[in-house]
Amino acid sequence: MFRVGLFILITLVKFAHASSSDINEQNNVLAFHADNAFLTERVNLQGNPYSTSVDTVQMLVDEIGYTDPVLHVPLVRSFAYMQHGENICVLNKIKAPEREKNHLYSLPLSFFQTQRFYQLASLPPIEKEFLDEKGRILSISRVLEAFPDSFIVLPEEYSFGERIDDDLKQVNREQILRIANNIYYSRFMEMFSKGKSDFALIFPATLYRSFGENMPIKVRSYSIADNPDYVSGHVICPNTPQGAEHIKRINAAIKRIYLTPEFINAHTRYLPAQDKQDLRTIIEQSIEKLMLSN
């Protein structure tokens, strides 16, 4: 009887240890999330260059040996998973102060010209009272208030950076058409090309990738005051010991990517000729500082 009981006890201990090992192994498996359909439909699925965000993420996953597709998950849900300690990281996000309090950020994986504010040329030009001495928009919310019958199309969950995020909170909700992140770019491009969105807030490289030098509709373009000329995209991981290990591994891979000519090419190939050198210089200077400080 004792031997039978001992055998059962040993079996249970072995089973518990095996189950614990399986759970630990599962917890150590990193999953990349994104709310951008460009990433989830192309990274590790299609090999052709497509955009700066897709190409640089592909370089990262190749460098660290990540072979799974990027999972398409709404951003709010991804952050909820991370708050519960899930072993995931979110790709290609701009830094935001609120997020930095509770999450870990990688080194920059991509660099972009900051979003510009576009207006259909069929509308009256924006009055000088809404512009600074350099012709930059002082406040998006004030501009939209001056065009009460107009609207702007924006993604449901997206940070444009603290400066613009705070300004957009002041916009009348009836003047904002929110579109789900996963279909935002395709839907927006369709609407914008047909003149169905009065205003837009979007990266110049995104417009250029879609239309090249042949914009289907006439627009005016404005920089935004007190906004940086360039922003960077990062990998965000949970602020946990595992998250810190992932960031360490990701940063080591990004540093190696910085040293390859393809990294800068992945940015400049999607820009008009007049913007290529400026972004190249920004990237080279940023990399030099990052490599020296890290």
C-alpha atoms as a PDB file:
ATOM      1  CA  MET A   1       0.000   0.000   0.000  1.00  0.00           C
ATOM      2  CA  PHE A   2       2.863   2.317   0.919  1.00  0.00           C
ATOM      3  CA  ARG A   3       4.619   1.573  -2.400  1.00  0.00           C
ATOM      4  CA  VAL A   4       1.431   2.310  -4.344  1.00  0.00           C
ATOM      5  CA  GLY A   5       0.992   5.597  -2.486  1.00  0.00           C
ATOM      6  CA  LEU A   6       4.637   6.516  -3.035  1.00  0.00           C
ATOM      7  CA  PHE A   7       4.354   5.716  -6.756  1.00  0.00           C
ATOM      8  CA  ILE A   8       1.280   7.936  -7.054  1.00  0.00           C
ATOM      9  CA  LEU A   9       3.011  10.750  -5.168  1.00  0.00           C
ATOM     10  CA  ILE A  10       6.113  10.571  -7.387  1.00  0.00           C
ATOM     11  CA  THR A  11       3.921  10.516 -10.504  1.00  0.00           C
ATOM     12  CA  LEU A  12       2.003  13.580  -9.317  1.00  0.00           C
ATOM     13  CA  VAL A  13       5.230  15.451  -8.546  1.00  0.00           C
ATOM     14  CA  LYS A  14       6.632  14.619 -11.994  1.00  0.00           C
ATOM     15  CA  PHE A  15       3.386  15.701 -13.650  1.00  0.00           C
ATOM     16  CA  ALA A  16       3.333  18.944 -11.686  1.00  0.00           C
ATOM     17  CA  HIS A  17       6.972  19.636 -12.606  1.00  0.00           C
ATOM     18  CA  ALA A  18       6.282  18.893 -16.270  1.00  0.00           C
ATOM     19  CA  SER A  19       3.211  21.120 -16.248  1.00  0.00           C
ATOM     20  CA  SER A  20       5.176  23.880 -14.545  1.00  0.00           C
ATOM     21  CA  SER A  21       7.939  23.554 -17.137  1.00  0.00           C
ATOM     22  CA  ASP A  22       5.397  23.732 -19.952  1.00  0.00           C
ATOM     23  CA  ILE A  23       3.846  26.850 -18.441  1.00  0.00           C
ATOM     24  CA  ASN A  24       7.237  28.504 -17.967  1.00  0.00           C
ATOM     25  CA  GLU A  25       8.179  27.629 -21.533  1.00  0.00           C
ATOM     26  CA  GLN A  26       4.913  29.132 -22.790  1.00  0.00           C
ATOM     27  CA  ASN A  27       5.470  32.252 -20.691  1.00  0.00           C
ATOM     28  CA  ASN A  28       8.931  32.693 -22.216  1.00  0.00           C
ATOM     29  CA  VAL A  29       7.590  32.675 -25.778  1.00  0.00           C
ATOM     30  CA  LEU A  30       7.439  36.234 -27.058  1.00  0.00           C
ATOM     31  CA  ALA A  31       4.585  37.308 -29.318  1.00  0.00           C
ATOM     32  CA  PHE A  32       4.657  40.512 -31.338  1.00  0.00           C
ATOM     33  CA  HIS A  33       1.407  42.468 -31.618  1.00  0.00           C
ATOM     34  CA  ALA A  34       0.450  45.307 -33.964  1.00  0.00           C
ATOM     35  CA  ASP A  35      -2.748  47.139 -34.779  1.00  0.00           C
ATOM     36  CA  ASN A  36      -1.435  48.031 -38.227  1.00  0.00           C
ATOM     37  CA  ALA A  37      -2.632  45.747 -41.011  1.00  0.00           C
ATOM     38  CA  PHE A  38       0.456  46.620 -43.063  1.00  0.00           C
ATOM     39  CA  LEU A  39       2.561  44.809 -40.459  1.00  0.00           C
ATOM     40  CA  THR A  40       0.262  41.902 -39.686  1.00  0.00           C
ATOM     41  CA  GLU A  41      -0.354  41.089 -43.351  1.00  0.00           C
ATOM     42  CA  ARG A  42       3.234  41.377 -44.550  1.00  0.00           C
ATOM     43  CA  VAL A  43       5.924  40.759 -41.905  1.00  0.00           C
ATOM     44  CA  ASN A  44       7.172  37.158 -42.249  1.00  0.00           C
ATOM     45  CA  LEU A  45       4.467  36.611 -44.881  1.00  0.00           C
ATOM     46  CA  GLN A  46       5.576  38.642 -47.897  1.00  0.00           C
ATOM     47  CA  GLY A  47       9.181  39.290 -48.815  1.00  0.00           C
ATOM     48  CA  ASN A  48       8.924  42.448 -50.893  1.00  0.00           C
ATOM     49  CA  PRO A  49       9.805  45.915 -49.534  1.00  0.00           C
ATOM     50  CA  TYR A  50       6.632  47.799 -48.738  1.00  0.00           C
ATOM     51  CA  SER A  51       7.073  50.688 -46.298  1.00  0.00           C
ATOM     52  CA  THR A  52       9.539  51.938 -43.712  1.00  0.00           C
ATOM     53  CA  SER A  53       7.560  50.435 -40.834  1.00  0.00           C
ATOM     54  CA  VAL A  54       7.176  47.045 -42.528  1.00  0.00           C
ATOM     55  CA  ASP A  55      10.755  46.879 -43.785  1.00  0.00           C
ATOM     56  CA  THR A  56      12.396  47.828 -40.474  1.00  0.00           C
ATOM     57  CA  VAL A  57      10.202  45.420 -38.494  1.00  0.00           C
ATOM     58  CA  GLN A  58      11.108  42.676 -40.963  1.00  0.00           C
ATOM     59  CA  MET A  59      14.786  43.474 -40.405  1.00  0.00           C
ATOM     60  CA  LEU A  60      14.265  43.186 -36.642  1.00  0.00           C
ATOM     61  CA  VAL A  61      12.420  39.861 -36.694  1.00  0.00           C
ATOM     62  CA  ASP A  62      15.013  38.448 -39.103  1.00  0.00           C
ATOM     63  CA  GLU A  63      17.807  39.572 -36.798  1.00  0.00           C
ATOM     64  CA  ILE A  64      16.336  37.980 -33.658  1.00  0.00           C
ATOM     65  CA  GLY A  65      15.060  34.871 -35.437  1.00  0.00           C
ATOM     66  CA  TYR A  66      11.359  35.532 -34.882  1.00  0.00           C
ATOM     67  CA  THR A  67       9.540  33.526 -37.556  1.00  0.00           C
ATOM     68  CA  ASP A  68       5.858  33.821 -36.595  1.00  0.00           C
ATOM     69  CA  PRO A  69       3.500  36.331 -38.197  1.00  0.00           C
ATOM     70  CA  VAL A  70       2.785  39.504 -36.261  1.00  0.00           C
ATOM     71  CA  LEU A  71      -0.562  39.131 -34.495  1.00  0.00           C
ATOM     72  CA  HIS A  72      -3.250  41.667 -35.280  1.00  0.00           C
ATOM     73  CA  VAL A  73      -4.616  42.871 -31.938  1.00  0.00           C
ATOM     74  CA  PRO A  74      -6.334  46.179 -31.083  1.00  0.00           C
ATOM     75  CA  LEU A  75      -3.937  48.419 -29.198  1.00  0.00           C
ATOM     76  CA  VAL A  76      -6.148  48.721 -26.119  1.00  0.00           C
ATOM     77  CA  ARG A  77      -6.263  44.946 -25.788  1.00  0.00           C
ATOM     78  CA  SER A  78      -2.492  44.614 -26.239  1.00  0.00           C
ATOM     79  CA  PHE A  79      -1.873  47.083 -23.422  1.00  0.00           C
ATOM     80  CA  ALA A  80      -4.396  45.245 -21.243  1.00  0.00           C
ATOM     81  CA  TYR A  81      -2.500  42.002 -21.846  1.00  0.00           C
ATOM     82  CA  MET A  82       0.769  43.679 -20.902  1.00  0.00           C
ATOM     83  CA  GLN A  83      -0.767  45.095 -17.720  1.00  0.00           C
ATOM     84  CA  HIS A  84      -1.592  41.504 -16.762  1.00  0.00           C
ATOM     85  CA  GLY A  85       1.996  40.429 -17.368  1.00  0.00           C
ATOM     86  CA  GLU A  86       1.414  38.690 -20.696  1.00  0.00           C
ATOM     87  CA  ASN A  87       4.591  38.036 -22.641  1.00  0.00           C
ATOM     88  CA  ILE A  88       3.950  40.297 -25.628  1.00  0.00           C
ATOM     89  CA  CYS A  89       5.498  43.388 -27.189  1.00  0.00           C
ATOM     90  CA  VAL A  90       3.841  45.940 -29.484  1.00  0.00           C
ATOM     91  CA  LEU A  91       5.587  47.097 -32.636  1.00  0.00           C
ATOM     92  CA  ASN A  92       6.286  50.509 -34.105  1.00  0.00           C
ATOM     93  CA  LYS A  93       4.802  53.011 -31.659  1.00  0.00           C
ATOM     94  CA  ILE A  94       5.723  56.627 -30.959  1.00  0.00           C
ATOM     95  CA  LYS A  95       6.699  57.430 -27.381  1.00  0.00           C
ATOM     96  CA  ALA A  96       3.931  58.876 -25.226  1.00  0.00           C
ATOM     97  CA  PRO A  97       4.474  60.021 -21.605  1.00  0.00           C
ATOM     98  CA  GLU A  98       1.545  58.040 -20.188  1.00  0.00           C
ATOM     99  CA  ARG A  99       2.763  54.833 -21.804  1.00  0.00           C
ATOM    100  CA  GLU A 100       6.343  55.376 -20.669  1.00  0.00           C
ATOM    101  CA  LYS A 101       5.224  55.309 -17.036  1.00  0.00           C
ATOM    102  CA  ASN A 102       4.191  51.655 -17.237  1.00  0.00           C
ATOM    103  CA  HIS A 103       6.058  50.166 -20.192  1.00  0.00           C
ATOM    104  CA  LEU A 104       9.557  49.674 -21.560  1.00  0.00           C
ATOM    105  CA  TYR A 105      10.635  51.137 -24.895  1.00  0.00           C
ATOM    106  CA  SER A 106      13.275  49.893 -27.294  1.00  0.00           C
ATOM    107  CA  LEU A 107      15.763  52.010 -29.175  1.00  0.00           C
ATOM    108  CA  PRO A 108      14.234  53.672 -32.255  1.00  0.00           C
ATOM    109  CA  LEU A 109      13.462  51.114 -34.946  1.00  0.00           C
ATOM    110  CA  SER A 110      12.237  53.651 -37.490  1.00  0.00           C
ATOM    111  CA  PHE A 111      12.378  57.381 -38.124  1.00  0.00           C
ATOM    112  CA  PHE A 112       9.708  59.462 -39.829  1.00  0.00           C
ATOM    113  CA  GLN A 113       9.018  63.006 -40.828  1.00  0.00           C
ATOM    114  CA  THR A 114       6.365  64.166 -38.387  1.00  0.00           C
ATOM    115  CA  GLN A 115       2.759  64.157 -39.518  1.00  0.00           C
ATOM    116  CA  ARG A 116       1.687  67.202 -41.470  1.00  0.00           C
ATOM    117  CA  PHE A 117      -1.735  68.828 -41.488  1.00  0.00           C
ATOM    118  CA  TYR A 118      -3.351  68.598 -44.916  1.00  0.00           C
ATOM    119  CA  GLN A 119      -6.304  70.639 -46.162  1.00  0.00           C
ATOM    120  CA  LEU A 120      -8.295  70.182 -49.351  1.00  0.00           C
ATOM    121  CA  ALA A 121      -7.443  73.021 -51.730  1.00  0.00           C
ATOM    122  CA  SER A 122     -11.158  73.451 -52.454  1.00  0.00           C
ATOM    123  CA  LEU A 123     -11.520  74.987 -48.978  1.00  0.00           C
ATOM    124  CA  PRO A 124     -10.458  78.580 -48.229  1.00  0.00           C
ATOM    125  CA  PRO A 125      -6.815  78.789 -47.078  1.00  0.00           C
ATOM    126  CA  ILE A 126      -6.253  78.763 -43.331  1.00  0.00           C
ATOM    127  CA  GLU A 127      -6.208  82.340 -42.010  1.00  0.00           C
ATOM    128  CA  LYS A 128      -2.933  83.839 -40.783  1.00  0.00           C
ATOM    129  CA  GLU A 129      -4.298  84.197 -37.251  1.00  0.00           C
ATOM    130  CA  PHE A 130      -4.079  80.397 -36.941  1.00  0.00           C
ATOM    131  CA  LEU A 131      -0.462  80.268 -38.141  1.00  0.00           C
ATOM    132  CA  ASP A 132       2.849  81.303 -36.614  1.00  0.00           C
ATOM    133  CA  GLU A 133       5.449  83.441 -38.377  1.00  0.00           C
ATOM    134  CA  LYS A 134       6.751  80.374 -40.209  1.00  0.00           C
ATOM    135  CA  GLY A 135       3.321  79.397 -41.503  1.00  0.00           C
ATOM    136  CA  ARG A 136       2.891  76.500 -39.074  1.00  0.00           C
ATOM    137  CA  ILE A 137      -0.443  75.529 -37.533  1.00  0.00           C
ATOM    138  CA  LEU A 138      -0.753  76.871 -33.984  1.00  0.00           C
ATOM    139  CA  SER A 139      -3.739  74.724 -33.026  1.00  0.00           C
ATOM    140  CA  ILE A 140      -5.576  72.046 -34.992  1.00  0.00           C
ATOM    141  CA  SER A 141      -8.626  72.402 -32.764  1.00  0.00           C
ATOM    142  CA  ARG A 142      -8.866  76.143 -33.461  1.00  0.00           C
ATOM    143  CA  VAL A 143      -8.560  75.573 -37.205  1.00  0.00           C
ATOM    144  CA  LEU A 144     -11.372  73.020 -37.184  1.00  0.00           C
ATOM    145  CA  GLU A 145     -13.464  75.357 -35.064  1.00  0.00           C
ATOM    146  CA  ALA A 146     -13.059  77.956 -37.830  1.00  0.00           C
ATOM    147  CA  PHE A 147     -14.384  75.380 -40.342  1.00  0.00           C
ATOM    148  CA  PRO A 148     -17.447  74.095 -38.432  1.00  0.00           C
ATOM    149  CA  ASP A 149     -18.881  72.184 -41.396  1.00  0.00           C
ATOM    150  CA  SER A 150     -15.669  70.267 -42.041  1.00  0.00           C
ATOM    151  CA  PHE A 151     -14.256  67.107 -40.487  1.00  0.00           C
ATOM    152  CA  ILE A 152     -11.019  65.200 -40.084  1.00  0.00           C
ATOM    153  CA  VAL A 153     -10.491  61.430 -40.301  1.00  0.00           C
ATOM    154  CA  LEU A 154      -8.437  59.883 -37.484  1.00  0.00           C
ATOM    155  CA  PRO A 155      -7.597  56.351 -36.292  1.00  0.00           C
ATOM    156  CA  GLU A 156      -9.462  55.073 -33.237  1.00  0.00           C
ATOM    157  CA  GLU A 157      -6.403  54.366 -31.105  1.00  0.00           C
ATOM    158  CA  TYR A 158      -3.248  56.244 -31.978  1.00  0.00           C
ATOM    159  CA  SER A 159      -0.816  58.630 -30.315  1.00  0.00           C
ATOM    160  CA  PHE A 160       0.460  61.487 -32.466  1.00  0.00           C
ATOM    161  CA  GLY A 161       2.689  62.610 -29.612  1.00  0.00           C
ATOM    162  CA  GLU A 162       1.776  64.565 -26.489  1.00  0.00           C
ATOM    163  CA  ARG A 163       1.536  67.982 -28.180  1.00  0.00           C
ATOM    164  CA  ILE A 164      -0.961  66.922 -30.870  1.00  0.00           C
ATOM    165  CA  ASP A 165      -2.852  64.457 -28.658  1.00  0.00           C
ATOM    166  CA  ASP A 166      -3.676  67.247 -26.187  1.00  0.00           C
ATOM    167  CA  ASP A 167      -4.789  69.538 -29.016  1.00  0.00           C
ATOM    168  CA  LEU A 168      -7.051  66.897 -30.591  1.00  0.00           C
ATOM    169  CA  LYS A 169      -8.866  66.433 -27.277  1.00  0.00           C
ATOM    170  CA  GLN A 170     -10.264  69.945 -27.767  1.00  0.00           C
ATOM    171  CA  VAL A 171     -11.812  69.166 -31.173  1.00  0.00           C
ATOM    172  CA  ASN A 172     -15.590  68.879 -31.400  1.00  0.00           C
ATOM    173  CA  ARG A 173     -16.352  65.151 -31.570  1.00  0.00           C
ATOM    174  CA  GLU A 174     -18.815  65.742 -34.384  1.00  0.00           C
ATOM    175  CA  GLN A 175     -15.904  66.924 -36.533  1.00  0.00           C
ATOM    176  CA  ILE A 176     -13.908  63.720 -36.099  1.00  0.00           C
ATOM    177  CA  LEU A 177     -14.573  60.538 -38.032  1.00  0.00           C
ATOM    178  CA  ARG A 178     -12.858  57.693 -36.185  1.00  0.00           C
ATOM    179  CA  ILE A 179     -11.839  54.625 -38.180  1.00  0.00           C
ATOM    180  CA  ALA A 180     -10.556  51.332 -36.757  1.00  0.00           C
ATOM    181  CA  ASN A 181      -6.767  51.177 -36.816  1.00  0.00           C
ATOM    182  CA  ASN A 182      -6.599  48.019 -38.918  1.00  0.00           C
ATOM    183  CA  ILE A 183      -8.426  49.629 -41.867  1.00  0.00           C
ATOM    184  CA  TYR A 184      -7.521  53.250 -41.225  1.00  0.00           C
ATOM    185  CA  TYR A 185      -4.894  53.782 -43.909  1.00  0.00           C
ATOM    186  CA  SER A 186      -6.714  52.005 -46.722  1.00  0.00           C
ATOM    187  CA  ARG A 187     -10.037  53.653 -45.850  1.00  0.00           C
ATOM    188  CA  PHE A 188      -8.469  57.063 -45.342  1.00  0.00           C
ATOM    189  CA  MET A 189      -6.540  56.953 -48.630  1.00  0.00           C
ATOM    190  CA  GLU A 190      -9.727  56.058 -50.466  1.00  0.00           C
ATOM    191  CA  MET A 191     -11.651  58.917 -48.860  1.00  0.00           C
ATOM    192  CA  PHE A 192      -8.851  61.445 -49.199  1.00  0.00           C
ATOM    193  CA  SER A 193      -8.196  60.654 -52.854  1.00  0.00           C
ATOM    194  CA  LYS A 194     -11.893  61.298 -53.569  1.00  0.00           C
ATOM    195  CA  GLY A 195     -11.965  64.555 -51.623  1.00  0.00           C
ATOM    196  CA  LYS A 196     -14.222  63.126 -48.907  1.00  0.00           C
ATOM    197  CA  SER A 197     -12.018  64.187 -45.990  1.00  0.00           C
ATOM    198  CA  ASP A 198     -11.596  67.934 -45.514  1.00  0.00           C
ATOM    199  CA  PHE A 199      -8.504  67.665 -43.350  1.00  0.00           C
ATOM    200  CA  ALA A 200      -5.885  65.017 -42.698  1.00  0.00           C
ATOM    201  CA  LEU A 201      -3.092  64.409 -40.221  1.00  0.00           C
ATOM    202  CA  ILE A 202      -0.683  61.952 -41.749  1.00  0.00           C
ATOM    203  CA  PHE A 203       2.968  61.174 -42.434  1.00  0.00           C
ATOM    204  CA  PRO A 204       4.278  62.626 -45.722  1.00  0.00           C
ATOM    205  CA  ALA A 205       5.972  59.288 -46.462  1.00  0.00           C
ATOM    206  CA  THR A 206       2.599  57.533 -46.265  1.00  0.00           C
ATOM    207  CA  LEU A 207       1.097  59.829 -48.881  1.00  0.00           C
ATOM    208  CA  TYR A 208       4.164  59.512 -51.081  1.00  0.00           C
ATOM    209  CA  ARG A 209       4.125  55.711 -50.863  1.00  0.00           C
ATOM    210  CA  SER A 210       0.485  55.693 -51.952  1.00  0.00           C
ATOM    211  CA  PHE A 211       0.509  58.387 -54.633  1.00  0.00           C
ATOM    212  CA  GLY A 212       4.127  59.224 -55.466  1.00  0.00           C
ATOM    213  CA  GLU A 213       4.411  62.564 -57.252  1.00  0.00           C
ATOM    214  CA  ASN A 214       0.858  62.273 -58.606  1.00  0.00           C
ATOM    215  CA  MET A 215      -1.522  63.345 -55.871  1.00  0.00           C
ATOM    216  CA  PRO A 216      -5.066  62.612 -57.083  1.00  0.00           C
ATOM    217  CA  ILE A 217      -6.424  65.783 -55.498  1.00  0.00           C
ATOM    218  CA  LYS A 218      -5.061  69.244 -54.741  1.00  0.00           C
ATOM    219  CA  VAL A 219      -4.196  69.914 -51.112  1.00  0.00           C
ATOM    220  CA  ARG A 220      -2.399  72.415 -48.912  1.00  0.00           C
ATOM    221  CA  SER A 221       0.155  71.149 -46.444  1.00  0.00           C
ATOM    222  CA  TYR A 222       1.133  72.700 -43.106  1.00  0.00           C
ATOM    223  CA  SER A 223       3.695  71.882 -40.446  1.00  0.00           C
ATOM    224  CA  ILE A 224       2.535  72.031 -36.831  1.00  0.00           C
ATOM    225  CA  ALA A 225       4.092  74.512 -34.400  1.00  0.00           C
ATOM    226  CA  ASP A 226       5.937  73.180 -31.346  1.00  0.00           C
ATOM    227  CA  ASN A 227       6.020  69.725 -32.885  1.00  0.00           C
ATOM    228  CA  PRO A 228       9.290  67.948 -33.713  1.00  0.00           C
ATOM    229  CA  ASP A 229      10.255  67.665 -37.367  1.00  0.00           C
ATOM    230  CA  TYR A 230      10.923  63.947 -36.955  1.00  0.00           C
ATOM    231  CA  VAL A 231       9.614  61.174 -34.727  1.00  0.00           C
ATOM    232  CA  SER A 232      10.700  57.595 -34.117  1.00  0.00           C
ATOM    233  CA  GLY A 233       8.879  54.283 -33.849  1.00  0.00           C
ATOM    234  CA  HIS A 234       9.721  51.862 -31.042  1.00  0.00           C
ATOM    235  CA  VAL A 235       8.930  48.400 -29.719  1.00  0.00           C
ATOM    236  CA  ILE A 236       6.974  48.531 -26.439  1.00  0.00           C
ATOM    237  CA  CYS A 237       7.247  45.688 -23.916  1.00  0.00           C
ATOM    238  CA  PRO A 238       5.724  45.186 -20.451  1.00  0.00           C
ATOM    239  CA  ASN A 239       7.632  46.535 -17.471  1.00  0.00           C
ATOM    240  CA  THR A 240       8.436  43.084 -16.107  1.00  0.00           C
ATOM    241  CA  PRO A 241      11.675  41.098 -15.758  1.00  0.00           C
ATOM    242  CA  GLN A 242      10.806  39.202 -18.939  1.00  0.00           C
ATOM    243  CA  GLY A 243       9.923  42.443 -20.696  1.00  0.00           C
ATOM    244  CA  ALA A 244      13.304  43.879 -19.720  1.00  0.00           C
ATOM    245  CA  GLU A 245      15.040  40.807 -21.148  1.00  0.00           C
ATOM    246  CA  HIS A 246      13.144  41.178 -24.407  1.00  0.00           C
ATOM    247  CA  ILE A 247      14.054  44.871 -24.650  1.00  0.00           C
ATOM    248  CA  LYS A 248      17.698  44.003 -24.018  1.00  0.00           C
ATOM    249  CA  ARG A 249      17.631  41.419 -26.806  1.00  0.00           C
ATOM    250  CA  ILE A 250      15.712  43.705 -29.164  1.00  0.00           C
ATOM    251  CA  ASN A 251      18.062  46.637 -28.541  1.00  0.00           C
ATOM    252  CA  ALA A 252      21.098  44.473 -29.275  1.00  0.00           C
ATOM    253  CA  ALA A 253      19.503  43.475 -32.587  1.00  0.00           C
ATOM    254  CA  ILE A 254      18.585  47.077 -33.440  1.00  0.00           C
ATOM    255  CA  LYS A 255      22.179  48.184 -32.852  1.00  0.00           C
ATOM    256  CA  ARG A 256      23.359  45.577 -35.340  1.00  0.00           C
ATOM    257  CA  ILE A 257      20.722  46.740 -37.828  1.00  0.00           C
ATOM    258  CA  TYR A 258      21.912  50.338 -37.448  1.00  0.00           C
ATOM    259  CA  LEU A 259      25.263  49.289 -38.928  1.00  0.00           C
ATOM    260  CA  THR A 260      23.757  48.002 -42.173  1.00  0.00           C
ATOM    261  CA  PRO A 261      23.256  50.230 -45.253  1.00  0.00           C
ATOM    262  CA  GLU A 262      19.786  48.743 -45.703  1.00  0.00           C
ATOM    263  CA  PHE A 263      18.540  50.437 -42.527  1.00  0.00           C
ATOM    264  CA  ILE A 264      18.762  53.940 -43.975  1.00  0.00           C
ATOM    265  CA  ASN A 265      17.639  52.694 -47.394  1.00  0.00           C
ATOM    266  CA  ALA A 266      14.456  51.369 -45.772  1.00  0.00           C
ATOM    267  CA  HIS A 267      13.630  54.975 -44.909  1.00  0.00           C
ATOM    268  CA  THR A 268      14.789  57.008 -47.895  1.00  0.00           C
ATOM    269  CA  ARG A 269      13.283  54.792 -50.611  1.00  0.00           C
ATOM    270  CA  TYR A 270       9.813  55.965 -49.615  1.00  0.00           C
ATOM    271  CA  LEU A 271      10.517  59.697 -49.757  1.00  0.00           C
ATOM    272  CA  PRO A 272      10.579  62.248 -52.565  1.00  0.00           C
ATOM    273  CA  ALA A 273      14.064  63.233 -53.682  1.00  0.00           C
ATOM    274  CA  GLN A 274      14.050  66.595 -51.886  1.00  0.00           C
ATOM    275  CA  ASP A 275      13.457  64.958 -48.478  1.00  0.00           C
ATOM    276  CA  LYS A 276      15.894  62.046 -48.662  1.00  0.00           C
ATOM    277  CA  GLN A 277      19.078  63.805 -47.520  1.00  0.00           C
ATOM    278  CA  ASP A 278      17.443  65.555 -44.558  1.00  0.00           C
ATOM    279  CA  LEU A 279      16.123  62.280 -43.158  1.00  0.00           C
ATOM    280  CA  ARG A 280      19.423  60.512 -43.865  1.00  0.00           C
ATOM    281  CA  THR A 281      21.247  63.163 -41.833  1.00  0.00           C
ATOM    282  CA  ILE A 282      18.740  62.925 -38.964  1.00  0.00           C
ATOM    283  CA  ILE A 283      19.110  59.140 -38.822  1.00  0.00           C
ATOM    284  CA  GLU A 284      22.914  59.198 -38.972  1.00  0.00           C
ATOM    285  CA  GLN A 285      23.138  61.802 -36.204  1.00  0.00           C
ATOM    286  CA  SER A 286      20.600  59.950 -34.049  1.00  0.00           C
ATOM    287  CA  ILE A 287      22.385  56.624 -34.458  1.00  0.00           C
ATOM    288  CA  GLU A 288      25.728  58.181 -33.541  1.00  0.00           C
ATOM    289  CA  LYS A 289      24.278  59.594 -30.306  1.00  0.00           C
ATOM    290  CA  LEU A 290      22.442  56.377 -29.456  1.00  0.00           C
ATOM    291  CA  MET A 291      25.471  54.169 -30.026  1.00  0.00           C
ATOM    292  CA  LEU A 292      27.672  56.430 -27.896  1.00  0.00           C
ATOM    293  CA  SER A 293      25.160  56.647 -25.038  1.00  0.00           C
ATOM    294  CA  ASN A 294      24.318  52.937 -25.037  1.00  0.00           C
END
